[in-house]
Protein backbone atom coordinates (compact mmCIF):
# COMPACT_ATOMS: atom_id res chain seq x y z
CA UNK A 1 89.17 5.55 56.92
CA UNK A 2 87.43 3.79 54.03
CA UNK A 3 85.52 0.71 55.18
CA UNK A 4 81.93 0.98 54.02
CA UNK A 5 80.77 0.58 50.45
CA UNK A 6 77.68 -0.26 48.45
CA UNK A 7 78.31 -0.66 44.77
CA UNK A 8 75.40 0.39 42.52
CA UNK A 9 73.76 -2.09 40.19
CA UNK A 10 71.81 -1.44 37.01
CA UNK A 11 68.69 -3.41 36.14
CA UNK A 12 65.98 -3.45 33.49
CA UNK A 13 62.87 -2.28 35.37
CA UNK A 14 60.56 -4.33 33.15
CA UNK A 15 62.56 -7.47 33.87
CA UNK A 16 62.45 -6.64 37.57
CA UNK A 17 58.67 -6.14 37.35
CA UNK A 18 58.26 -9.49 35.58
CA UNK A 19 60.22 -11.28 38.32
CA UNK A 20 58.12 -9.55 40.97
CA UNK A 21 54.90 -10.54 39.18
CA UNK A 22 56.00 -14.20 39.08
CA UNK A 23 56.88 -14.07 42.76
CA UNK A 24 53.51 -12.60 43.75
CA UNK A 25 51.56 -15.04 41.60
CA UNK A 26 53.54 -17.96 43.00
CA UNK A 27 52.63 -16.93 46.53
CA UNK A 28 48.95 -17.53 45.83
CA UNK A 29 49.67 -21.26 45.74
CA UNK A 30 51.68 -21.30 48.98
CA UNK A 31 50.02 -22.58 52.18
CA UNK A 32 49.51 -20.08 55.01
CA UNK A 33 52.33 -19.83 57.50
CA UNK A 34 55.61 -18.15 58.31
CA UNK A 35 57.31 -19.25 55.07
CA UNK A 36 54.63 -17.61 52.94
CA UNK A 37 54.79 -14.47 55.04
CA UNK A 38 58.57 -14.32 54.69
CA UNK A 39 58.25 -14.65 50.92
CA UNK A 40 55.59 -11.94 50.90
CA UNK A 41 57.91 -9.57 52.77
CA UNK A 42 60.58 -10.48 50.24
CA UNK A 43 58.16 -9.40 47.49
CA UNK A 44 57.48 -6.20 49.43
CA UNK A 45 61.21 -5.42 49.46
CA UNK A 46 61.49 -6.09 45.73
CA UNK A 47 58.49 -3.86 45.02
CA UNK A 48 60.02 -1.15 47.18
CA UNK A 49 63.32 -1.36 45.30
CA UNK A 50 61.48 -0.98 42.00
CA UNK A 51 59.48 2.03 43.23
CA UNK A 52 62.64 3.62 44.63
CA UNK A 53 64.60 3.03 41.43
CA UNK A 54 61.89 4.53 39.22
CA UNK A 55 61.52 7.56 41.50
CA UNK A 56 65.29 8.07 41.48
CA UNK A 57 65.29 7.85 37.68
CA UNK A 58 62.71 10.64 37.60
CA UNK A 59 64.85 12.67 39.99
CA UNK A 60 67.95 12.12 37.84
CA UNK A 61 66.10 13.22 34.70
CA UNK A 62 64.63 16.39 36.20
CA UNK A 63 67.07 17.28 38.96
CA UNK A 64 64.34 17.26 41.61
CA UNK A 65 61.50 15.12 42.95
CA UNK A 66 58.33 15.70 40.95
CA UNK A 67 54.98 13.96 40.33
CA UNK A 68 55.19 11.15 37.78
CA UNK A 69 52.45 8.77 36.57
CA UNK A 70 54.98 5.93 36.37
CA UNK A 71 56.17 6.57 39.91
CA UNK A 72 52.57 6.71 41.12
CA UNK A 73 51.83 3.35 39.48
CA UNK A 74 54.89 1.82 41.12
CA UNK A 75 53.80 3.18 44.48
CA UNK A 76 50.28 1.81 43.99
CA UNK A 77 51.77 -1.65 43.42
CA UNK A 78 53.99 -1.28 46.47
CA UNK A 79 51.03 -0.25 48.60
CA UNK A 80 49.02 -3.28 47.47
CA UNK A 81 51.86 -5.58 48.53
CA UNK A 82 52.28 -3.67 51.81
CA UNK A 83 48.59 -4.11 52.63
CA UNK A 84 48.91 -7.84 51.94
CA UNK A 85 52.04 -8.17 54.09
CA UNK A 86 50.45 -6.28 56.97
CA UNK A 87 47.30 -8.43 56.73
CA UNK A 88 49.49 -11.51 56.87
CA UNK A 89 51.28 -10.27 59.97
CA UNK A 90 48.14 -9.17 61.78
CA UNK A 91 46.35 -12.44 61.03
CA UNK A 92 49.18 -14.55 62.40
CA UNK A 93 50.19 -15.57 58.85
CA UNK A 94 46.80 -17.09 58.06
CA UNK A 95 45.61 -14.47 55.53
CA UNK A 96 47.07 -12.46 52.68
CA UNK A 97 45.68 -10.15 50.08
CA UNK A 98 44.98 -11.19 46.50
CA UNK A 99 47.55 -10.95 43.74
CA UNK A 100 47.55 -7.24 42.74
CA UNK A 101 46.89 -7.95 39.07
CA UNK A 102 45.40 -4.52 38.34
CA UNK A 103 48.42 -2.74 39.82
CA UNK A 104 50.85 -5.01 37.99
CA UNK A 105 49.09 -4.35 34.70
CA UNK A 106 48.89 -0.60 35.30
CA UNK A 107 52.62 -0.32 35.93
CA UNK A 108 53.51 -2.56 33.00
CA UNK A 109 51.75 -0.15 30.62
CA UNK A 110 53.63 2.92 31.82
CA UNK A 111 56.81 4.17 30.10
CA UNK A 112 60.00 3.24 31.94
CA UNK A 113 63.72 3.92 31.46
CA UNK A 114 65.82 1.21 29.84
CA UNK A 115 67.71 0.72 33.09
CA UNK A 116 67.34 1.90 36.67
CA UNK A 117 69.50 1.73 39.80
CA UNK A 118 67.80 -0.16 42.63
CA UNK A 119 69.53 0.32 45.98
CA UNK A 120 69.89 -2.70 48.24
CA UNK A 121 68.57 -1.66 51.63
CA UNK A 122 71.22 -2.26 54.30
CA UNK A 123 68.68 -2.61 57.07
CA UNK A 124 66.88 -5.51 55.38
CA UNK A 125 70.14 -7.21 54.41
CA UNK A 126 72.34 -6.74 57.49
CA UNK A 127 70.75 -5.00 60.45
CA UNK A 128 67.56 -6.95 61.25
CA UNK A 129 65.31 -4.05 60.26
CA UNK A 130 61.83 -5.47 59.67
CA UNK A 131 59.11 -3.58 57.76
CA UNK A 132 56.55 -5.03 60.16
CA UNK A 133 58.22 -3.19 63.05
CA UNK A 134 57.37 0.08 61.32
CA UNK A 135 53.79 -1.09 60.97
CA UNK A 136 53.68 -1.55 64.74
CA UNK A 137 55.28 1.84 65.31
CA UNK A 138 52.63 3.46 63.11
CA UNK A 139 49.99 2.73 65.75
CA UNK A 140 51.36 5.67 67.79
CA UNK A 141 50.70 8.19 65.00
CA UNK A 142 47.74 10.57 65.08
CA UNK A 143 44.92 9.95 62.58
CA UNK A 144 45.45 10.54 58.86
CA UNK A 145 49.09 11.65 58.80
CA UNK A 146 50.88 12.55 55.57
CA UNK A 147 53.58 9.87 55.32
CA UNK A 148 56.95 10.85 53.83
CA UNK A 149 59.52 8.15 53.06
CA UNK A 150 63.20 8.99 52.67
CA UNK A 151 64.68 7.05 49.80
CA UNK A 152 66.15 4.48 49.55
CA UNK A 153 64.82 2.13 52.25
CA UNK A 154 62.25 4.68 53.39
CA UNK A 155 60.24 3.84 50.27
CA UNK A 156 59.35 0.38 51.56
CA UNK A 157 59.13 1.41 55.20
CA UNK A 158 56.81 4.34 54.46
CA UNK A 159 54.52 2.05 52.47
CA UNK A 160 54.24 -0.27 55.46
CA UNK A 161 53.53 2.66 57.78
CA UNK A 162 50.81 3.93 55.44
CA UNK A 163 49.29 0.48 55.07
CA UNK A 164 49.24 -0.13 58.81
CA UNK A 165 47.86 3.32 59.62
CA UNK A 166 45.28 3.22 56.83
CA UNK A 167 46.40 6.40 55.08
CA UNK A 168 46.91 7.16 51.41
CA UNK A 169 50.09 6.29 49.56
CA UNK A 170 53.22 7.95 50.95
CA UNK A 171 55.35 10.47 49.12
CA UNK A 172 59.02 9.58 48.83
CA UNK A 173 61.85 12.09 48.57
CA UNK A 174 65.58 11.84 47.92
CA UNK A 175 67.75 13.84 50.36
CA UNK A 176 70.78 15.12 48.45
CA UNK A 177 73.99 17.03 49.07
CA UNK A 178 76.81 16.57 51.56
CA UNK A 179 76.23 13.43 53.67
CA UNK A 180 76.10 15.50 56.84
CA UNK A 181 74.09 18.41 55.38
CA UNK A 182 71.33 16.90 53.29
CA UNK A 183 68.61 18.93 51.58
CA UNK A 184 65.42 18.18 49.63
CA UNK A 185 64.90 19.26 46.03
CA UNK A 186 61.17 19.30 45.23
CA UNK A 187 59.14 20.55 42.29
CA UNK A 188 56.85 23.41 43.40
CA UNK A 189 53.70 21.37 42.76
CA UNK A 190 55.00 18.47 44.85
CA UNK A 191 56.01 20.82 47.67
CA UNK A 192 52.56 22.43 47.60
CA UNK A 193 50.81 19.05 47.66
CA UNK A 194 52.90 17.88 50.61
CA UNK A 195 52.11 20.98 52.61
CA UNK A 196 48.38 20.93 51.83
CA UNK A 197 47.34 21.17 55.45
CA UNK A 198 47.30 17.60 56.81
CA UNK A 199 46.84 17.23 60.54
CA UNK A 200 50.24 15.57 61.01
CA UNK A 201 53.31 14.40 59.15
CA UNK A 202 55.25 11.15 59.58
CA UNK A 203 58.85 10.99 58.31
CA UNK A 204 60.09 7.42 57.85
CA UNK A 205 63.64 6.08 57.42
CA UNK A 206 66.08 3.56 58.90
CA UNK A 207 68.39 6.14 60.55
CA UNK A 208 69.51 8.28 62.15
CA UNK A 209 73.11 7.70 61.17
CA UNK A 210 76.23 9.72 61.83
CA UNK A 211 74.47 13.06 61.41
CA UNK A 212 70.74 12.41 61.05
CA UNK A 213 70.82 14.86 58.14
CA UNK A 214 68.33 12.96 55.99
CA UNK A 215 65.68 13.25 58.68
CA UNK A 216 66.90 16.80 59.18
CA UNK A 217 66.37 17.68 55.50
CA UNK A 218 62.72 16.63 55.68
CA UNK A 219 62.20 18.50 58.94
CA UNK A 220 63.84 21.61 57.46
CA UNK A 221 61.46 21.47 54.50
CA UNK A 222 58.36 21.10 56.67
CA UNK A 223 59.42 23.80 59.11
CA UNK A 224 60.26 26.08 56.22
CA UNK A 225 56.74 25.50 54.91
CA UNK A 226 55.24 26.66 58.19
CA UNK A 227 54.60 23.29 59.83
CA UNK A 228 55.16 23.48 63.61
CA UNK A 229 57.31 20.79 65.17
CA UNK A 230 54.48 19.26 67.25
CA UNK A 231 52.79 18.20 64.00
CA UNK A 232 55.90 16.31 62.81
CA UNK A 233 56.46 12.70 63.89
CA UNK A 234 59.58 10.66 63.20
CA UNK A 235 59.66 6.90 62.66
CA UNK A 236 63.37 5.97 62.82
CA UNK A 237 64.95 2.54 62.76
CA UNK A 238 66.26 2.78 66.32
CA UNK A 239 65.70 4.74 69.49
CA UNK A 240 69.11 6.41 69.61
CA UNK A 241 70.18 9.93 68.75
CA UNK A 242 72.04 11.09 65.64
CA UNK A 243 75.75 10.30 65.61
CA UNK A 244 78.78 12.51 66.28
CA UNK A 245 78.50 14.46 63.01
CA UNK A 246 75.21 16.04 64.08
CA UNK A 247 75.47 19.65 65.25
CA UNK A 248 74.16 20.89 68.57
CA UNK A 249 71.10 22.50 66.97
CA UNK A 250 70.24 19.24 65.19
CA UNK A 251 70.60 17.28 68.42
CA UNK A 252 68.45 19.74 70.33
CA UNK A 253 65.71 19.54 67.70
CA UNK A 254 65.88 15.75 67.67
CA UNK A 255 65.33 15.67 71.41
CA UNK A 256 62.17 17.77 71.02
CA UNK A 257 60.61 15.63 68.29
CA UNK A 258 57.86 13.05 68.70
CA UNK A 259 59.66 9.82 67.84
CA UNK A 260 58.22 6.34 67.36
CA UNK A 261 61.17 3.99 66.68
CA UNK A 262 60.72 0.59 65.10
CA UNK A 263 61.71 -2.12 67.56
CA UNK A 264 62.87 -5.65 66.81
CA UNK A 265 62.37 -6.43 70.50
CA UNK A 266 58.67 -5.54 70.41
CA UNK A 267 58.21 -7.23 67.05
CA UNK A 268 59.94 -10.60 67.58
CA UNK A 269 61.15 -10.96 71.17
CA UNK A 270 58.44 -9.67 73.50
CA UNK A 271 55.43 -9.75 71.17
CA UNK A 272 52.12 -10.44 72.91
CA UNK A 273 51.12 -13.07 70.37
CA UNK A 274 53.23 -16.25 70.43
CA UNK A 275 53.09 -16.67 66.65
CA UNK A 276 55.04 -13.41 66.28
CA UNK A 277 57.97 -14.44 68.45
CA UNK A 278 61.27 -15.66 67.06
CA UNK A 279 61.45 -18.22 69.87
CA UNK A 280 58.15 -19.73 68.73
CA UNK A 281 59.40 -19.97 65.15
CA UNK A 282 62.52 -21.76 66.40
CA UNK A 283 60.44 -24.13 68.52
CA UNK A 284 58.36 -25.10 65.51
CA UNK A 285 61.52 -25.92 63.55
CA UNK A 286 63.81 -27.33 66.24
CA UNK A 287 61.59 -28.47 69.08
CA UNK A 288 60.40 -26.83 72.32
CA UNK A 289 62.93 -24.59 74.03
CA UNK A 290 64.61 -26.19 77.03
CA UNK A 291 65.62 -22.80 78.47
CA UNK A 292 64.69 -19.26 77.43
CA UNK A 293 66.34 -18.11 74.23
CA UNK A 294 69.45 -16.01 74.97
CA UNK A 295 70.87 -13.14 72.96
CA UNK A 296 74.57 -13.46 72.15
CA UNK A 297 74.93 -10.39 69.91
CA UNK A 298 77.48 -7.65 70.47
CA UNK A 299 80.29 -10.07 71.24
CA UNK A 300 78.39 -11.91 73.98
CA UNK A 301 79.14 -15.16 72.13
CA UNK A 302 82.79 -14.82 73.18
CA UNK A 303 82.02 -15.85 76.76
CA UNK A 304 81.00 -19.27 75.41
CA UNK A 305 84.11 -19.81 73.33
CA UNK A 306 86.96 -18.41 75.44
CA UNK A 307 87.84 -19.32 79.03
CA UNK A 308 88.77 -15.76 80.01
CA UNK A 309 88.11 -12.20 78.89
CA UNK A 310 91.83 -11.76 78.31
CA UNK A 311 91.46 -14.02 75.27
CA UNK A 312 88.42 -12.28 73.79
CA UNK A 313 88.92 -11.05 70.22
CA UNK A 314 87.99 -7.48 69.23
CA UNK A 315 84.60 -6.59 67.82
CA UNK A 316 82.93 -3.87 65.80
CA UNK A 317 79.62 -3.05 67.52
CA UNK A 318 77.89 -1.70 64.39
CA UNK A 319 78.90 -4.55 62.09
CA UNK A 320 77.82 -7.56 64.14
CA UNK A 321 74.54 -9.17 63.19
CA UNK A 322 71.87 -9.98 65.75
CA UNK A 323 72.17 -13.53 67.02
CA UNK A 324 70.54 -15.72 69.66
CA UNK A 325 71.28 -19.07 71.30
CA UNK A 326 68.40 -21.54 71.30
CA UNK A 327 68.51 -24.91 73.09
CA UNK A 328 66.13 -27.73 72.25
CA UNK A 329 66.15 -31.55 72.27
CA UNK A 330 69.54 -31.68 73.92
CA UNK A 331 71.20 -29.55 71.26
CA UNK A 332 72.05 -25.91 70.76
CA UNK A 333 71.40 -23.69 67.76
CA UNK A 334 72.47 -20.21 66.83
CA UNK A 335 69.80 -18.03 65.25
CA UNK A 336 71.67 -15.38 63.30
CA UNK A 337 70.12 -12.65 61.18
CA UNK A 338 71.02 -13.48 57.57
CA UNK A 339 68.76 -11.02 55.74
CA UNK A 340 65.17 -10.68 54.62
CA UNK A 341 63.91 -11.83 51.25
CA UNK A 342 66.49 -12.79 48.65
CA UNK A 343 69.37 -11.89 50.99
CA UNK A 344 68.43 -14.53 53.55
CA UNK A 345 67.54 -17.13 50.94
CA UNK A 346 70.94 -16.76 49.30
CA UNK A 347 72.75 -17.01 52.64
CA UNK A 348 70.80 -20.15 53.56
CA UNK A 349 71.68 -21.73 50.22
CA UNK A 350 75.39 -21.03 50.79
CA UNK A 351 75.14 -22.48 54.30
CA UNK A 352 73.63 -25.71 52.96
CA UNK A 353 76.27 -25.90 50.23
CA UNK A 354 79.21 -25.47 52.60
CA UNK A 355 77.82 -27.86 55.20
CA UNK A 356 77.18 -30.58 52.62
CA UNK A 357 80.89 -30.39 51.77
CA UNK A 358 81.79 -30.81 55.44
CA UNK A 359 83.20 -27.35 56.11
CA UNK A 360 80.59 -25.63 58.32
CA UNK A 361 78.04 -26.42 61.05
CA UNK A 362 74.66 -27.84 60.10
CA UNK A 363 71.97 -25.36 59.00
CA UNK A 364 68.44 -26.27 60.05
CA UNK A 365 66.45 -23.65 58.18
CA UNK A 366 65.62 -20.01 57.62
CA UNK A 367 63.11 -18.32 59.93
CA UNK A 368 62.00 -15.10 58.23
CA UNK A 369 65.48 -13.62 58.13
CA UNK A 370 67.16 -15.68 60.87
CA UNK A 371 69.32 -18.63 59.84
CA UNK A 372 69.36 -21.50 62.34
CA UNK A 373 72.78 -23.21 62.49
CA UNK A 374 73.96 -25.80 64.97
CA UNK A 375 75.97 -24.33 67.85
CA UNK A 376 78.91 -26.54 68.75
CA UNK A 377 79.07 -26.49 72.56
CA UNK A 378 82.16 -28.69 72.63
CA UNK A 379 84.17 -26.64 70.12
CA UNK A 380 87.08 -24.44 71.08
CA UNK A 381 88.82 -21.61 69.24
CA UNK A 382 91.75 -22.25 66.93
CA UNK A 383 95.19 -21.39 68.26
CA UNK A 384 97.42 -21.12 65.17
CA UNK A 385 100.59 -21.25 67.28
CA UNK A 386 99.83 -24.71 68.66
CA UNK A 387 97.92 -26.17 65.73
CA UNK A 388 99.20 -28.98 63.56
CA UNK A 389 100.46 -26.69 60.79
CA UNK A 390 100.52 -29.20 57.91
CA UNK A 391 96.99 -30.37 58.78
CA UNK A 392 95.80 -26.77 59.10
CA UNK A 393 97.25 -25.81 55.72
CA UNK A 394 95.75 -28.89 54.08
CA UNK A 395 92.31 -28.09 55.46
CA UNK A 396 92.57 -24.44 54.43
CA UNK A 397 93.57 -25.52 50.94
CA UNK A 398 90.55 -27.79 50.61
CA UNK A 399 88.17 -25.19 52.04
CA UNK A 400 89.31 -22.19 50.02
CA UNK A 401 89.76 -24.28 46.90
CA UNK A 402 86.20 -25.57 47.26
CA UNK A 403 84.88 -22.01 47.47
CA UNK A 404 86.94 -21.01 44.44
CA UNK A 405 85.74 -23.99 42.39
CA UNK A 406 82.04 -24.07 43.31
CA UNK A 407 80.95 -20.58 44.41
CA UNK A 408 81.34 -18.10 41.53
CA UNK A 409 80.15 -14.54 42.14
CA UNK A 410 80.01 -11.16 40.44
CA UNK A 411 79.77 -8.14 42.71
CA UNK A 412 82.85 -6.85 44.51
CA UNK A 413 85.18 -3.90 44.75
CA UNK A 414 87.42 -3.47 41.74
CA UNK A 415 91.20 -3.43 41.94
CA UNK A 416 91.20 0.35 41.58
CA UNK A 417 88.74 0.74 44.45
CA UNK A 418 90.83 -1.54 46.64
CA UNK A 419 93.95 0.45 45.88
CA UNK A 420 92.19 3.73 46.69
CA UNK A 421 90.96 2.27 49.98
CA UNK A 422 94.40 0.93 50.86
CA UNK A 423 96.08 4.24 50.05
CA UNK A 424 93.62 6.31 52.09
CA UNK A 425 93.73 4.02 55.12
CA UNK A 426 97.52 3.84 54.97
CA UNK A 427 97.73 7.62 54.76
CA UNK A 428 95.52 8.07 57.83
CA UNK A 429 97.13 5.33 59.90
CA UNK A 430 100.77 5.75 58.87
CA UNK A 431 101.81 8.72 56.71
CA UNK A 432 102.03 10.01 53.15
CA UNK A 433 105.39 8.36 52.53
CA UNK A 434 103.94 4.97 53.43
CA UNK A 435 100.83 5.57 51.32
CA UNK A 436 102.97 6.61 48.35
CA UNK A 437 104.62 3.19 48.40
CA UNK A 438 101.33 1.76 47.13
CA UNK A 439 101.43 3.93 44.01
CA UNK A 440 103.67 1.43 42.24
CA UNK A 441 100.55 -0.73 41.85
CA UNK A 442 98.62 1.92 39.91
CA UNK A 443 99.96 1.05 36.42
CA UNK A 444 99.12 -2.61 37.03
CA UNK A 445 95.45 -2.07 37.97
CA UNK A 446 94.00 -3.02 34.53
CA UNK A 447 96.00 -6.26 34.46
CA UNK A 448 95.08 -7.08 38.06
CA UNK A 449 91.41 -6.45 37.37
CA UNK A 450 91.54 -8.68 34.30
CA UNK A 451 93.12 -11.45 36.35
CA UNK A 452 90.39 -11.46 39.01
CA UNK A 453 87.98 -14.40 39.08
CA UNK A 454 85.37 -13.44 41.64
CA UNK A 455 83.96 -16.04 44.00
CA UNK A 456 81.98 -15.96 47.27
CA UNK A 457 85.06 -15.40 49.35
CA UNK A 458 84.90 -16.08 53.08
CA UNK A 459 86.32 -12.63 53.97
CA UNK A 460 86.55 -13.63 57.63
CA UNK A 461 89.55 -15.98 58.08
CA UNK A 462 90.39 -14.78 61.61
CA UNK A 463 91.57 -17.43 64.05
CA UNK A 464 88.55 -17.00 66.33
CA UNK A 465 86.20 -17.82 63.44
CA UNK A 466 87.48 -21.42 63.31
CA UNK A 467 85.95 -24.10 65.55
CA UNK A 468 88.14 -26.96 66.77
CA UNK A 469 86.12 -30.03 67.76
CA UNK A 470 87.40 -32.51 70.38
CA UNK A 471 88.33 -34.87 67.55
CA UNK A 472 90.57 -32.18 66.08
CA UNK A 473 88.24 -31.56 63.16
CA UNK A 474 87.97 -27.96 61.97
CA UNK A 475 84.73 -26.21 61.08
CA UNK A 476 84.39 -22.67 59.76
CA UNK A 477 81.97 -20.38 61.55
CA UNK A 478 80.46 -17.22 60.10
CA UNK A 479 81.19 -18.41 56.58
CA UNK A 480 78.16 -17.44 54.49
CA UNK A 481 77.65 -13.69 54.34
CA UNK A 482 80.82 -11.60 54.69
CA UNK A 483 81.17 -11.28 50.92
CA UNK A 484 77.72 -9.70 51.04
CA UNK A 485 78.34 -7.44 54.03
CA UNK A 486 77.87 -3.69 54.34
CA UNK A 487 81.45 -2.91 53.45
CA UNK A 488 83.56 -2.09 50.43
CA UNK A 489 85.02 -5.53 49.75
CA UNK A 490 82.30 -7.85 48.47
CA UNK A 491 83.19 -10.93 46.45
CA UNK A 492 86.84 -11.12 45.43
CA UNK A 493 89.32 -13.45 43.80
CA UNK A 494 90.21 -16.34 46.11
CA UNK A 495 93.63 -14.69 46.50
CA UNK A 496 91.89 -12.32 48.93
CA UNK A 497 91.16 -15.21 51.29
CA UNK A 498 94.65 -16.63 50.87
CA UNK A 499 96.09 -13.23 51.81
CA UNK A 500 93.68 -12.97 54.74
CA UNK A 501 94.50 -16.45 56.03
CA UNK A 502 98.21 -15.67 55.85
CA UNK A 503 97.68 -12.53 57.93
CA UNK A 504 95.22 -13.91 60.46
CA UNK A 505 96.86 -17.29 61.03
CA UNK A 506 100.44 -15.97 61.07
CA UNK A 507 101.60 -18.03 58.13
CA UNK A 508 105.21 -17.81 57.07
CA UNK A 509 105.92 -16.90 53.47
CA UNK A 510 106.65 -20.56 52.78
CA UNK A 511 103.35 -21.63 54.35
CA UNK A 512 101.46 -18.92 52.44
CA UNK A 513 102.93 -20.12 49.15
CA UNK A 514 102.13 -23.74 50.01
CA UNK A 515 98.55 -22.71 50.82
CA UNK A 516 98.24 -20.86 47.51
CA UNK A 517 99.47 -23.93 45.68
CA UNK A 518 97.00 -26.19 47.52
CA UNK A 519 94.11 -23.84 46.81
CA UNK A 520 95.05 -23.77 43.14
CA UNK A 521 95.11 -27.57 42.92
CA UNK A 522 91.71 -27.86 44.60
CA UNK A 523 90.19 -25.04 42.54
CA UNK A 524 91.60 -26.21 39.23
CA UNK A 525 93.10 -22.77 38.66
CA UNK A 526 96.32 -21.38 40.10
CA UNK A 527 96.23 -18.50 42.56
CA UNK A 528 97.66 -15.51 40.71
CA UNK A 529 100.89 -14.48 42.52
CA UNK A 530 100.61 -10.82 41.43
CA UNK A 531 97.06 -10.67 42.81
CA UNK A 532 98.18 -12.27 46.05
CA UNK A 533 100.99 -9.72 46.42
CA UNK A 534 98.61 -6.83 45.66
CA UNK A 535 95.75 -8.01 47.85
CA UNK A 536 97.90 -8.58 50.93
CA UNK A 537 98.43 -4.87 51.76
CA UNK A 538 94.84 -4.19 50.67
CA UNK A 539 93.57 -6.77 53.17
CA UNK A 540 95.71 -5.32 55.94
CA UNK A 541 94.62 -1.75 55.15
CA UNK A 542 90.95 -2.75 55.18
CA UNK A 543 91.23 -4.50 58.54
CA UNK A 544 93.17 -1.53 59.87
CA UNK A 545 90.34 0.80 58.88
CA UNK A 546 87.70 -1.60 60.18
CA UNK A 547 89.16 -1.80 63.68
CA UNK A 548 90.08 1.89 63.77
CA UNK A 549 86.41 2.69 63.25
CA UNK A 550 85.50 0.03 65.82
CA UNK A 551 87.80 1.65 68.40
CA UNK A 552 86.25 5.05 67.71
CA UNK A 553 82.74 3.63 68.09
CA UNK A 554 83.67 1.92 71.38
CA UNK A 555 84.90 5.02 73.17
CA UNK A 556 82.27 4.48 75.85
CA UNK A 557 83.72 1.02 76.63
CA UNK A 558 87.48 1.29 77.36
CA UNK A 559 88.25 -2.46 77.50
CA UNK A 560 86.55 -3.10 74.16
CA UNK A 561 88.12 0.00 72.64
CA UNK A 562 91.56 -1.22 73.70
CA UNK A 563 90.95 -4.63 72.09
CA UNK A 564 90.16 -2.84 68.84
CA UNK A 565 93.19 -0.56 69.18
CA UNK A 566 95.44 -3.57 69.77
CA UNK A 567 94.13 -5.03 66.52
CA UNK A 568 94.89 -1.78 64.69
CA UNK A 569 98.47 -1.84 65.97
CA UNK A 570 98.91 -5.39 64.72
CA UNK A 571 97.47 -4.59 61.29
CA UNK A 572 99.50 -1.38 61.03
CA UNK A 573 102.71 -3.30 61.71
CA UNK A 574 101.78 -5.92 59.15
CA UNK A 575 100.90 -3.26 56.61
CA UNK A 576 104.24 -1.55 57.07
CA UNK A 577 105.98 -4.84 56.32
CA UNK A 578 103.76 -5.60 53.31
CA UNK A 579 104.10 -2.25 51.53
CA UNK A 580 106.18 -2.33 48.34
CA UNK A 581 109.80 -1.30 48.72
CA UNK A 582 111.72 1.03 46.44
């Protein structure tokens, strides 16, 4: 099934460096505190992306990782920012290093490609992976380890480990090859320098994922160079084992390794120092906690919205963001991870924009990656079957039309990518004959692509994402970040949301057409009927893949797996009906 996606972007590295320089210089005027620290970590992430992109450009030019003066200058800048960020964390946000003017100047004088390909790090954007947690994990390492970061995100994480442990700059490498059988490709001089007899090695990345093969590639290289396993330490993003694509030998080796996982719990939830706890940050913004903060991730929020488990909607355990319920001053707030750095800032801006228009709950602020939004205790879930249908359609028209008119966007899967996804998922879920029925769209892809006007689509129109207040007023929950999620879709034409609303709210064809007309009036631009017809099976095929993968991931929990399978059956039936005929 095709669900995940991460479209590459091209940037001018000198323009990226100039933006980073302005950000770092602006921080010198900011008062000490959590907001300055959050911005400093945002700068760290940007510096890491630049170092990763330049190193990958060197790799692309030569076909292997090799020493490069430009890459070294980028790493020196990254290390300066990492030292400053770690000082800020350790000092309780009261101190930070100086602006790294010498490092900025040194990198600006080096030759650079015209464009590079920075990779957005999923952990920083979606999965509450904090660089500071790797700094804490580094305390368990032996003295003076050689730190190796696995690109992409391992660039930034390794710099934080090196800064916290007080070692020299890390070396970053790009594992390549089949996703489940990665290898390293190193220039002989780089390989020799890496193996130059340090007391210990630390391999840093956000995994392990389905196979753990990126970590495995680095371990294979070190073992092949004569390094015994006891001298190799792993700093992964979680404490679990590699996923189901890892072989028995890889699993057995993983179990024998010294591992020091980064932990959000130790960093933000159970930290010894109050100023490091998420609950303290929330108290400073919202008032003293009335009861201990409660985690509602992993679908736990459902118990507060639905009277019985029989009504619980399905979930995907690996795609839900971390979230907590915080009660203060007689009110309740949800603290949901929205992303570090620019990711969180953009999500907070969208939350303010949508709330000001009356469509979403009130946002109170951004707490170093966690967006605080009001939790509506008295709200219930939407039941489309019993709702006032004309009122529901009118509200949907205003909401989706507002997004189409005021929230333009750029990045998103193209029409060809959506068709490829829909065909593959249909093939796997139904059969080749059903998948072939999508082929009639292929000649129309250029016209469909030209017709798209991308906006920050909601991408989550499911009935359980709507809050019904006692007055009957509707609010949209979870409305700010699904067009920037770790999946293929991204920002689409508003027809995507119209198609999704028709599917999720069981609209008749007449109601769907009325909704499209209302959205067009509100947006000032008609919803393209050909796009709506094309995107409907694409939406269904995506959701089918999403919940198929969820069911597979939930094999250990039969009730949750069955909820996901029930969703797949519903989407499969809808897809069969929506496929072109003849």
